[in-house]
Amino acid sequence: MTNHVDSRLARRAFLGRTSQGVGTVALAALAAPQHGLSAEPPLPQRARRVIWLSMAGGPSHLETFDHKPKLAELNGKQMPESLTKGQQLAQLQGQKLVCFGPQHPFAKMGPNGTDICALFPHIGSVLGDICLIRSMTTEAINHDPAHMFMNTGSQIAGRPSMGAWVTYGLGSDAADLPGFVVLTSLGRGGQNQPIAARQWSSGFLPSRYQGVQLRSKGDPVLYLTNPGGVTREQQGADIAAINALNVQHDILSGDPEVATRIAQYEMAFRMQASVPELMDVANESPRTLELYGCKPGDGSFASNCLLARRLAERGVRFIQLYHKDWDHHGGVKEGVRLKAEEIDRACMALITDLKNRGMLDSTLVVWAGEFGRTPMSQGGDGRDHHNKAMSVWMAGGGVRGGLVYGATDELGYQAVENTCTVHDLHATMLHQLGIRHEAFSVKFQGLDAKLTGVEKSRVLDDVLA
């Protein structure tokens, strides 16, 4: 009887492993946690890591990076119906649509005299390293599905985030930190819309690839330290015993999440030493702290940008920073002014610091919201959600600096030149990391699921150096 039961369990484990597929990757990665599916990417790898700066709430391209003097001329006049008739709007549907001119002046900055909002002189000073894309579009028009689409390539919850895809494909160079780390910060405007943890979920990939959120203030990870009276050696012995039992269970069950749990215990133990060292910026020079303009540990976007550079130095593959409070349905003039004060210097500092350390060429920095804002006013002094036009920018990682790519119409309503999609942005990111986006898929519910979706996506070759 015992032999029959053992045989049945072994057969079940074999079938489970061969049918679920991705579970074997998680278990194999325990022996070499720095590796993902491919130690040698199929394409030349221009970028080794990504720092994604998420401006949560939907920044207005019309008060940041897309100069529209014609919109200023038409301020207060009816929006041309030829542009808006039958078009999807969020909260302005069925209302009178009135042109709302840019609320801040623009100025020529950078080596090519690019017009950007005068509130961003620090970003302007590094435009020579930035590729500004003015023709990005997205499919979603409300916050949560738009975040889902930007992060996972789908508005449907349950798909892996881009950080999970990247660490699944390439693994991580960080032995003592997660391969995918998330930091959040809140601005002074008070629009504290929640960012759900599903935005950095691993979806149907093994959960070891999900993002790990580090808190910006206080203890970065709760319950990281040992209880009183428990030494690190004792803690290590406990984890070794637990994982030995888990390995035996994994042999019998073939459940990929058992392998994930083993890896998580090991990573948590290593993080007890690595995270305090990461957060301790005492060895940063006064010049570096002045560059970022932050007080370490203050929970600001600037402080998180400094931590992003430190995470990148330690081999973390995908680092995502959320800065909230860009949802300006009203008071867009004052709102963008506050945002500029919070992010302008920090973005410049991150690019400059990476460049000074010889890391910018191998680090792809992306700045993006989840959508843009309407050229029409909402409530007299705000802008509604808008998915037909938004500005994003990239720096480093083999991207052409000093380039402006694409354009919107003269009112900034929709992209009309070199129109890009979120899937194109994802395809370009994967390409720079050495991954062919067309072939990078996982079988899920009978389909070949991809970050770049089922529609035809393209690498934005014109923006690459």
Protein backbone atom coordinates (compact mmCIF):
# COMPACT_ATOMS: atom_id res chain seq x y z
CA MET A 1 0.00 0.00 0.00
CA THR A 2 2.79 2.43 0.91
CA ASN A 3 4.55 1.90 -2.40
CA HIS A 4 1.28 2.47 -4.25
CA VAL A 5 0.66 5.77 -2.41
CA ASP A 6 4.23 6.94 -3.02
CA SER A 7 3.92 6.10 -6.70
CA ARG A 8 0.63 7.98 -6.96
CA LEU A 9 2.11 11.05 -5.23
CA ALA A 10 5.17 10.99 -7.45
CA ARG A 11 3.00 10.71 -10.56
CA ARG A 12 0.83 13.62 -9.38
CA ALA A 13 3.90 15.73 -8.69
CA PHE A 14 5.30 14.98 -12.16
CA LEU A 15 2.03 15.91 -13.86
CA GLY A 16 1.72 19.04 -11.76
CA ARG A 17 5.20 20.20 -12.65
CA THR A 18 4.92 19.49 -16.36
CA SER A 19 1.49 21.10 -16.69
CA GLN A 20 2.18 24.20 -14.65
CA GLY A 21 5.58 24.85 -16.14
CA VAL A 22 6.46 28.11 -14.48
CA GLY A 23 6.75 26.39 -11.09
CA THR A 24 9.91 24.60 -12.15
CA VAL A 25 11.50 27.94 -12.91
CA ALA A 26 10.89 29.16 -9.37
CA LEU A 27 12.41 26.04 -7.86
CA ALA A 28 15.41 26.04 -10.18
CA ALA A 29 16.03 29.71 -9.42
CA LEU A 30 16.65 28.86 -5.76
CA ALA A 31 20.03 27.43 -6.68
CA ALA A 32 20.95 30.61 -8.60
CA PRO A 33 18.56 33.36 -7.49
CA GLN A 34 20.25 35.98 -9.63
CA HIS A 35 19.09 34.22 -12.81
CA GLY A 36 15.67 34.22 -14.46
CA LEU A 37 14.56 32.30 -17.53
CA SER A 38 17.57 33.38 -19.55
CA ALA A 39 21.02 34.25 -18.28
CA GLU A 40 21.83 35.37 -21.83
CA PRO A 41 19.10 37.61 -23.31
CA PRO A 42 18.39 36.93 -27.00
CA LEU A 43 19.03 40.58 -28.01
CA PRO A 44 21.90 42.93 -27.20
CA GLN A 45 21.21 44.20 -23.70
CA ARG A 46 21.47 48.00 -23.65
CA ALA A 47 19.78 48.33 -20.25
CA ARG A 48 20.34 46.07 -17.26
CA ARG A 49 17.62 47.59 -15.10
CA VAL A 50 14.57 49.90 -15.17
CA ILE A 51 13.61 52.76 -12.87
CA TRP A 52 9.96 53.61 -13.63
CA LEU A 53 8.74 56.93 -12.24
CA SER A 54 4.93 56.69 -12.01
CA MET A 55 3.13 60.02 -11.68
CA ALA A 56 -0.12 58.69 -10.24
CA GLY A 57 -3.28 60.60 -11.05
CA GLY A 58 -2.62 61.60 -14.65
CA PRO A 59 -0.27 64.58 -15.22
CA SER A 60 -1.48 67.25 -17.60
CA HIS A 61 0.76 67.25 -20.67
CA LEU A 62 -0.49 70.80 -21.29
CA GLU A 63 1.15 72.11 -18.10
CA THR A 64 4.30 69.99 -18.36
CA PHE A 65 5.87 68.95 -21.68
CA ASP A 66 3.50 69.71 -24.60
CA HIS A 67 3.51 73.37 -25.67
CA LYS A 68 0.19 74.51 -27.18
CA PRO A 69 0.09 78.28 -27.89
CA LYS A 70 -3.02 77.82 -30.08
CA LEU A 71 -4.91 76.47 -27.07
CA ALA A 72 -3.96 79.65 -25.21
CA GLU A 73 -5.38 81.73 -28.07
CA LEU A 74 -8.71 79.88 -27.88
CA ASN A 75 -8.99 80.03 -24.09
CA GLY A 76 -12.66 80.35 -23.07
CA LYS A 77 -13.99 79.54 -26.53
CA GLN A 78 -15.94 76.43 -27.50
CA MET A 79 -13.86 73.39 -28.29
CA PRO A 80 -14.09 72.46 -32.00
CA GLU A 81 -16.80 69.82 -32.32
CA SER A 82 -14.86 68.17 -35.14
CA LEU A 83 -12.38 66.95 -32.53
CA THR A 84 -14.71 65.89 -29.75
CA LYS A 85 -17.97 64.69 -31.33
CA GLY A 86 -18.65 61.05 -30.48
CA GLN A 87 -15.42 60.76 -28.50
CA GLN A 88 -15.06 59.04 -25.14
CA LEU A 89 -14.73 61.39 -22.17
CA ALA A 90 -14.64 60.66 -18.46
CA GLN A 91 -16.60 63.23 -16.43
CA LEU A 92 -17.18 65.82 -19.17
CA GLN A 93 -19.45 63.60 -21.26
CA GLY A 94 -22.50 65.56 -22.42
CA GLN A 95 -21.25 68.89 -21.01
CA LYS A 96 -20.35 72.08 -22.85
CA LEU A 97 -16.70 71.78 -23.84
CA VAL A 98 -14.64 74.96 -23.49
CA CYS A 99 -10.96 75.42 -24.38
CA PHE A 100 -8.73 75.93 -21.36
CA GLY A 101 -5.36 77.47 -22.11
CA PRO A 102 -2.09 76.30 -20.50
CA GLN A 103 -1.86 77.69 -16.98
CA HIS A 104 1.90 78.23 -16.90
CA PRO A 105 4.36 79.73 -19.40
CA PHE A 106 6.69 77.53 -21.41
CA ALA A 107 10.38 78.19 -22.05
CA LYS A 108 13.01 76.86 -24.41
CA MET A 109 15.38 74.50 -22.62
CA GLY A 110 18.03 71.93 -23.40
CA PRO A 111 20.53 71.75 -26.25
CA ASN A 112 17.81 71.98 -28.93
CA GLY A 113 15.68 74.68 -27.34
CA THR A 114 12.76 72.38 -26.57
CA ASP A 115 9.66 74.11 -25.22
CA ILE A 116 8.67 72.71 -21.84
CA CYS A 117 6.82 74.25 -18.91
CA ALA A 118 8.95 76.87 -17.14
CA LEU A 119 8.18 75.16 -13.81
CA PHE A 120 10.65 72.38 -14.72
CA PRO A 121 14.06 74.06 -15.16
CA HIS A 122 15.96 71.17 -13.55
CA ILE A 123 14.49 68.62 -15.95
CA GLY A 124 15.17 71.15 -18.68
CA SER A 125 18.84 71.16 -17.73
CA VAL A 126 19.13 67.41 -18.53
CA LEU A 127 16.99 67.37 -21.68
CA GLY A 128 20.14 66.39 -23.55
CA ASP A 129 19.82 62.99 -21.86
CA ILE A 130 16.03 62.71 -22.28
CA CYS A 131 13.86 61.44 -25.11
CA LEU A 132 10.52 63.25 -24.80
CA ILE A 133 7.55 61.42 -26.35
CA ARG A 134 4.56 63.70 -26.93
CA SER A 135 2.34 61.23 -28.77
CA MET A 136 1.60 58.51 -26.22
CA THR A 137 -1.95 57.12 -26.00
CA THR A 138 -3.66 54.60 -23.75
CA GLU A 139 -6.88 52.58 -23.84
CA ALA A 140 -8.23 53.31 -20.36
CA ILE A 141 -9.80 56.54 -19.13
CA ASN A 142 -10.32 55.95 -15.39
CA HIS A 143 -7.59 55.60 -12.79
CA ASP A 144 -7.57 51.97 -11.67
CA PRO A 145 -7.98 50.36 -15.12
CA ALA A 146 -5.51 52.89 -16.54
CA HIS A 147 -2.93 51.96 -13.91
CA MET A 148 -3.61 48.29 -14.67
CA PHE A 149 -3.10 48.89 -18.38
CA MET A 150 0.11 50.88 -17.89
CA ASN A 151 1.49 48.29 -15.48
CA THR A 152 0.32 45.02 -17.02
CA GLY A 153 -0.70 45.77 -20.60
CA SER A 154 -4.29 44.82 -19.77
CA GLN A 155 -7.22 46.47 -18.02
CA ILE A 156 -8.15 43.07 -16.58
CA ALA A 157 -6.95 42.45 -13.05
CA GLY A 158 -4.84 39.38 -12.43
CA ARG A 159 -2.17 39.88 -15.09
CA PRO A 160 1.53 40.13 -14.18
CA SER A 161 2.96 43.62 -13.82
CA MET A 162 5.83 44.72 -16.04
CA GLY A 163 8.26 44.45 -13.13
CA ALA A 164 7.18 40.84 -12.56
CA TRP A 165 7.57 40.05 -16.28
CA VAL A 166 11.08 41.52 -16.32
CA THR A 167 12.32 39.71 -13.22
CA TYR A 168 10.70 36.49 -14.44
CA GLY A 169 12.57 36.83 -17.72
CA LEU A 170 15.94 38.08 -16.50
CA GLY A 171 16.08 37.39 -12.79
CA SER A 172 17.94 39.84 -10.59
CA ASP A 173 21.55 40.78 -9.88
CA ALA A 174 20.63 41.41 -6.23
CA ALA A 175 21.31 38.45 -3.96
CA ASP A 176 20.04 40.09 -0.76
CA LEU A 177 17.16 42.21 -2.05
CA PRO A 178 14.05 41.47 -4.12
CA GLY A 179 14.41 41.84 -7.87
CA PHE A 180 11.36 44.14 -8.05
CA VAL A 181 10.95 46.92 -5.48
CA VAL A 182 8.20 49.56 -5.15
CA LEU A 183 8.32 52.88 -3.27
CA THR A 184 5.46 55.39 -2.90
CA SER A 185 5.29 59.06 -1.94
CA LEU A 186 2.47 61.56 -1.48
CA GLY A 187 2.50 65.17 -2.57
CA ARG A 188 1.19 68.20 -0.73
CA GLY A 189 -2.03 68.56 -2.69
CA GLY A 190 -3.88 65.98 -0.61
CA GLN A 191 -5.21 63.79 -3.46
CA ASN A 192 -4.25 60.57 -1.69
CA GLN A 193 -5.88 58.10 -4.06
CA PRO A 194 -4.89 54.57 -3.08
CA ILE A 195 -2.53 52.58 -5.27
CA ALA A 196 -3.58 48.93 -4.99
CA ALA A 197 -0.90 46.30 -4.47
CA ARG A 198 -2.25 44.46 -7.51
CA GLN A 199 -0.43 47.09 -9.59
CA TRP A 200 2.83 45.29 -8.81
CA SER A 201 1.35 41.79 -8.65
CA SER A 202 2.94 38.74 -10.26
CA GLY A 203 -0.46 37.68 -11.61
CA PHE A 204 -0.29 34.13 -12.96
CA LEU A 205 3.51 34.02 -12.64
CA PRO A 206 4.96 32.55 -9.44
CA SER A 207 4.44 35.00 -6.60
CA ARG A 208 8.16 35.30 -5.95
CA TYR A 209 8.24 37.73 -8.90
CA GLN A 210 5.76 40.22 -7.44
CA GLY A 211 6.98 43.64 -6.36
CA VAL A 212 7.98 44.18 -2.76
CA GLN A 213 6.90 47.52 -1.34
CA LEU A 214 9.36 49.28 0.94
CA ARG A 215 7.85 51.96 3.16
CA SER A 216 9.33 55.42 2.64
CA LYS A 217 9.05 56.46 6.29
CA GLY A 218 9.65 54.52 9.50
CA ASP A 219 10.58 50.85 9.26
CA PRO A 220 10.90 50.05 5.54
CA VAL A 221 9.58 46.53 6.16
CA LEU A 222 7.41 45.64 9.14
CA TYR A 223 8.57 42.87 11.49
CA LEU A 224 11.99 42.78 9.82
CA THR A 225 13.95 42.56 13.06
CA ASN A 226 14.07 39.44 15.22
CA PRO A 227 12.02 39.26 18.42
CA GLY A 228 13.85 39.98 21.62
CA GLY A 229 16.15 37.17 22.72
CA VAL A 230 16.37 35.59 19.25
CA THR A 231 19.79 35.77 17.60
CA ARG A 232 20.43 35.82 13.85
CA GLU A 233 21.96 32.35 14.12
CA GLN A 234 18.83 30.99 15.82
CA GLN A 235 16.63 32.65 13.20
CA GLY A 236 18.74 31.13 10.44
CA ALA A 237 18.45 27.67 11.97
CA ASP A 238 14.65 28.02 12.18
CA ILE A 239 14.43 29.01 8.51
CA ALA A 240 16.70 26.14 7.48
CA ALA A 241 14.45 23.66 9.33
CA ILE A 242 11.25 25.13 7.86
CA ASN A 243 12.66 25.10 4.35
CA ALA A 244 13.85 21.50 4.72
CA LEU A 245 10.25 20.52 5.47
CA ASN A 246 9.01 22.65 2.58
CA VAL A 247 11.44 20.95 0.18
CA GLN A 248 10.01 17.56 1.18
CA HIS A 249 6.48 18.87 0.70
CA ASP A 250 7.44 20.29 -2.69
CA ILE A 251 8.72 16.89 -3.85
CA LEU A 252 5.35 15.36 -3.00
CA SER A 253 2.99 18.10 -4.09
CA GLY A 254 4.62 19.70 -7.11
CA ASP A 255 2.92 22.96 -6.16
CA PRO A 256 4.99 25.88 -7.57
CA GLU A 257 4.00 28.07 -4.66
CA VAL A 258 5.91 25.82 -2.28
CA ALA A 259 9.12 26.71 -4.11
CA THR A 260 8.10 30.34 -3.91
CA ARG A 261 7.57 30.08 -0.16
CA ILE A 262 11.05 28.57 0.24
CA ALA A 263 12.56 31.46 -1.71
CA GLN A 264 10.58 34.01 0.31
CA TYR A 265 11.83 32.64 3.64
CA GLU A 266 15.40 32.81 2.38
CA MET A 267 14.98 36.32 0.97
CA ALA A 268 13.35 37.61 4.16
CA PHE A 269 16.29 36.31 6.16
CA ARG A 270 18.81 38.01 3.88
CA MET A 271 16.79 41.25 3.90
CA GLN A 272 17.18 41.50 7.67
CA ALA A 273 20.78 42.51 6.99
CA SER A 274 20.50 44.15 3.56
CA VAL A 275 17.53 46.51 4.07
CA PRO A 276 18.94 48.44 7.07
CA GLU A 277 22.17 48.93 5.10
CA LEU A 278 20.18 50.10 2.07
CA MET A 279 18.25 52.69 4.08
CA ASP A 280 21.32 54.01 5.91
CA VAL A 281 22.54 56.88 3.72
CA ALA A 282 25.17 58.06 6.20
CA ASN A 283 27.87 57.25 3.65
CA GLU A 284 26.27 59.51 1.03
CA SER A 285 28.23 62.71 0.52
CA PRO A 286 26.74 66.10 1.46
CA ARG A 287 27.06 66.99 -2.23
CA THR A 288 24.85 64.07 -3.23
CA LEU A 289 22.21 64.91 -0.62
CA GLU A 290 22.26 68.52 -1.80
CA LEU A 291 21.87 67.37 -5.41
CA TYR A 292 18.63 65.54 -4.58
CA GLY A 293 17.48 68.26 -2.18
CA CYS A 294 16.06 65.77 0.30
CA LYS A 295 16.28 64.80 3.92
CA PRO A 296 16.89 61.04 4.01
CA GLY A 297 13.95 59.14 5.39
CA ASP A 298 11.47 61.98 4.96
CA GLY A 299 9.28 59.87 2.66
CA SER A 300 9.53 62.37 -0.20
CA PHE A 301 9.80 61.58 -3.90
CA ALA A 302 13.33 63.01 -3.81
CA SER A 303 14.34 60.67 -1.00
CA ASN A 304 12.85 57.75 -2.94
CA CYS A 305 14.84 58.74 -6.03
CA LEU A 306 18.02 58.52 -3.96
CA LEU A 307 16.94 55.09 -2.69
CA ALA A 308 16.22 54.08 -6.30
CA ARG A 309 19.82 54.79 -7.23
CA ARG A 310 21.02 52.79 -4.21
CA LEU A 311 18.73 49.89 -5.18
CA ALA A 312 20.07 50.02 -8.74
CA GLU A 313 23.64 49.87 -7.44
CA ARG A 314 22.75 46.73 -5.50
CA GLY A 315 21.46 44.90 -8.55
CA VAL A 316 17.68 45.30 -8.24
CA ARG A 317 16.24 44.72 -11.71
CA PHE A 318 13.04 46.78 -11.64
CA ILE A 319 12.43 49.77 -9.37
CA GLN A 320 9.09 51.57 -9.47
CA LEU A 321 8.41 54.87 -7.73
CA TYR A 322 4.84 56.12 -7.37
CA HIS A 323 4.29 59.80 -6.64
CA LYS A 324 0.61 60.52 -5.98
CA ASP A 325 -1.54 63.65 -6.25
CA TRP A 326 -1.60 64.43 -10.01
CA ASP A 327 -5.41 64.19 -10.36
CA HIS A 328 -6.26 67.83 -11.04
CA HIS A 329 -9.97 67.98 -11.85
CA GLY A 330 -9.75 71.42 -10.24
CA GLY A 331 -6.95 73.81 -9.40
CA VAL A 332 -4.61 72.49 -12.06
CA LYS A 333 -2.48 75.66 -11.96
CA GLU A 334 -1.60 75.40 -8.27
CA GLY A 335 -1.57 71.60 -8.37
CA VAL A 336 1.07 71.35 -11.09
CA ARG A 337 3.13 74.05 -9.38
CA LEU A 338 3.28 71.92 -6.23
CA LYS A 339 4.12 68.79 -8.23
CA ALA A 340 6.92 70.58 -10.05
CA GLU A 341 8.47 71.62 -6.74
CA GLU A 342 8.33 68.00 -5.57
CA ILE A 343 9.70 66.18 -8.62
CA ASP A 344 11.68 68.58 -10.84
CA ARG A 345 14.96 68.63 -8.93
CA ALA A 346 14.71 64.96 -7.94
CA CYS A 347 14.31 63.74 -11.54
CA MET A 348 17.31 65.80 -12.59
CA ALA A 349 19.31 64.51 -9.62
CA LEU A 350 18.53 60.86 -10.41
CA ILE A 351 19.66 61.23 -14.03
CA THR A 352 22.73 63.25 -13.06
CA ASP A 353 23.72 60.90 -10.24
CA LEU A 354 23.38 57.81 -12.44
CA LYS A 355 25.40 59.52 -15.17
CA ASN A 356 28.16 60.59 -12.78
CA ARG A 357 28.48 57.00 -11.56
CA GLY A 358 28.60 55.53 -15.05
CA MET A 359 25.21 53.85 -14.57
CA LEU A 360 22.88 55.84 -16.84
CA ASP A 361 23.84 53.95 -20.01
CA SER A 362 22.76 50.69 -18.38
CA THR A 363 19.68 52.08 -16.58
CA LEU A 364 16.44 52.86 -18.41
CA VAL A 365 14.57 55.65 -16.60
CA VAL A 366 10.91 56.11 -17.59
CA TRP A 367 8.61 58.96 -16.47
CA ALA A 368 4.88 58.42 -17.11
CA GLY A 369 1.40 58.84 -15.69
CA GLU A 370 -1.58 56.62 -16.46
CA PHE A 371 -3.15 59.09 -18.95
CA GLY A 372 -3.13 62.79 -19.88
CA ARG A 373 -5.67 65.58 -19.30
CA THR A 374 -8.23 67.29 -21.52
CA PRO A 375 -7.62 70.62 -23.32
CA MET A 376 -11.16 71.45 -22.15
CA SER A 377 -11.78 72.89 -18.72
CA GLN A 378 -13.54 71.08 -15.92
CA GLY A 379 -15.14 73.21 -13.23
CA GLY A 380 -13.45 76.29 -14.65
CA ASP A 381 -9.93 75.60 -13.41
CA GLY A 382 -9.29 71.86 -13.83
CA ARG A 383 -8.90 69.19 -16.49
CA ASP A 384 -10.61 65.82 -16.94
CA HIS A 385 -8.97 62.44 -17.66
CA HIS A 386 -7.84 61.99 -21.25
CA ASN A 387 -6.49 58.93 -23.04
CA LYS A 388 -5.85 60.27 -26.56
CA ALA A 389 -2.76 62.28 -25.68
CA MET A 390 -0.12 62.18 -22.98
CA SER A 391 3.58 62.93 -22.62
CA VAL A 392 6.14 60.49 -21.28
CA TRP A 393 9.92 60.59 -21.30
CA MET A 394 12.80 58.16 -21.12
CA ALA A 395 16.48 58.58 -20.33
CA GLY A 396 19.51 56.28 -20.40
CA GLY A 397 19.42 52.61 -21.35
CA GLY A 398 20.33 53.21 -25.00
CA VAL A 399 17.67 55.87 -25.64
CA ARG A 400 18.46 58.92 -27.81
CA GLY A 401 18.86 61.97 -25.61
CA GLY A 402 17.80 65.42 -26.77
CA LEU A 403 15.03 64.00 -28.97
CA VAL A 404 11.38 65.05 -29.17
CA TYR A 405 9.32 62.24 -30.72
CA GLY A 406 5.76 62.52 -31.98
CA ALA A 407 3.26 65.34 -31.68
CA THR A 408 -0.36 66.12 -30.81
CA ASP A 409 -2.69 68.42 -32.73
CA GLU A 410 -2.50 72.18 -32.16
CA LEU A 411 -4.86 71.97 -29.18
CA GLY A 412 -3.22 68.92 -27.58
CA TYR A 413 -6.38 66.82 -27.94
CA GLN A 414 -5.00 63.77 -29.73
CA ALA A 415 -1.73 62.37 -31.01
CA VAL A 416 -1.33 62.98 -34.74
CA GLU A 417 2.33 62.23 -35.49
CA ASN A 418 4.18 59.00 -34.62
CA THR A 419 1.31 57.89 -32.40
CA CYS A 420 2.49 55.46 -29.71
CA THR A 421 0.68 52.99 -27.49
CA VAL A 422 1.46 51.66 -24.03
CA HIS A 423 2.22 48.31 -25.64
CA ASP A 424 4.79 50.04 -27.87
CA LEU A 425 6.39 51.52 -24.75
CA HIS A 426 6.52 48.09 -23.12
CA ALA A 427 7.96 46.53 -26.29
CA THR A 428 10.68 49.18 -26.38
CA MET A 429 11.51 48.66 -22.71
CA LEU A 430 11.82 44.88 -23.20
CA HIS A 431 13.93 45.37 -26.33
CA GLN A 432 16.44 47.50 -24.44
CA LEU A 433 16.62 44.82 -21.76
CA GLY A 434 17.48 42.27 -24.45
CA ILE A 435 14.06 40.57 -24.67
CA ARG A 436 12.08 39.95 -27.86
CA HIS A 437 8.60 41.03 -26.84
CA GLU A 438 6.88 38.95 -29.53
CA ALA A 439 8.36 35.72 -28.18
CA PHE A 440 8.19 36.56 -24.48
CA SER A 441 5.02 34.78 -23.37
CA VAL A 442 3.59 32.35 -20.84
CA LYS A 443 0.79 29.90 -21.57
CA PHE A 444 -2.23 30.97 -19.51
CA GLN A 445 -5.78 29.66 -19.92
CA GLY A 446 -4.80 28.18 -23.26
CA LEU A 447 -3.38 31.42 -24.66
CA ASP A 448 0.12 32.82 -25.08
CA ALA A 449 -0.11 35.73 -22.65
CA LYS A 450 2.32 38.63 -23.19
CA LEU A 451 3.06 41.96 -21.57
CA THR A 452 2.62 43.59 -24.98
CA GLY A 453 -0.82 42.08 -25.59
CA VAL A 454 -2.25 40.30 -28.61
CA GLU A 455 -2.43 43.34 -30.90
CA LYS A 456 0.58 44.19 -33.05
CA SER A 457 3.06 46.22 -31.02
CA ARG A 458 6.27 47.82 -32.23
CA VAL A 459 9.62 48.75 -30.80
CA LEU A 460 10.08 52.54 -31.11
CA ASP A 461 13.31 52.21 -33.11
CA ASP A 462 13.48 55.93 -33.86
CA VAL A 463 13.98 56.80 -30.19
CA LEU A 464 16.90 54.38 -29.74
CA ALA A 465 20.52 55.41 -30.02
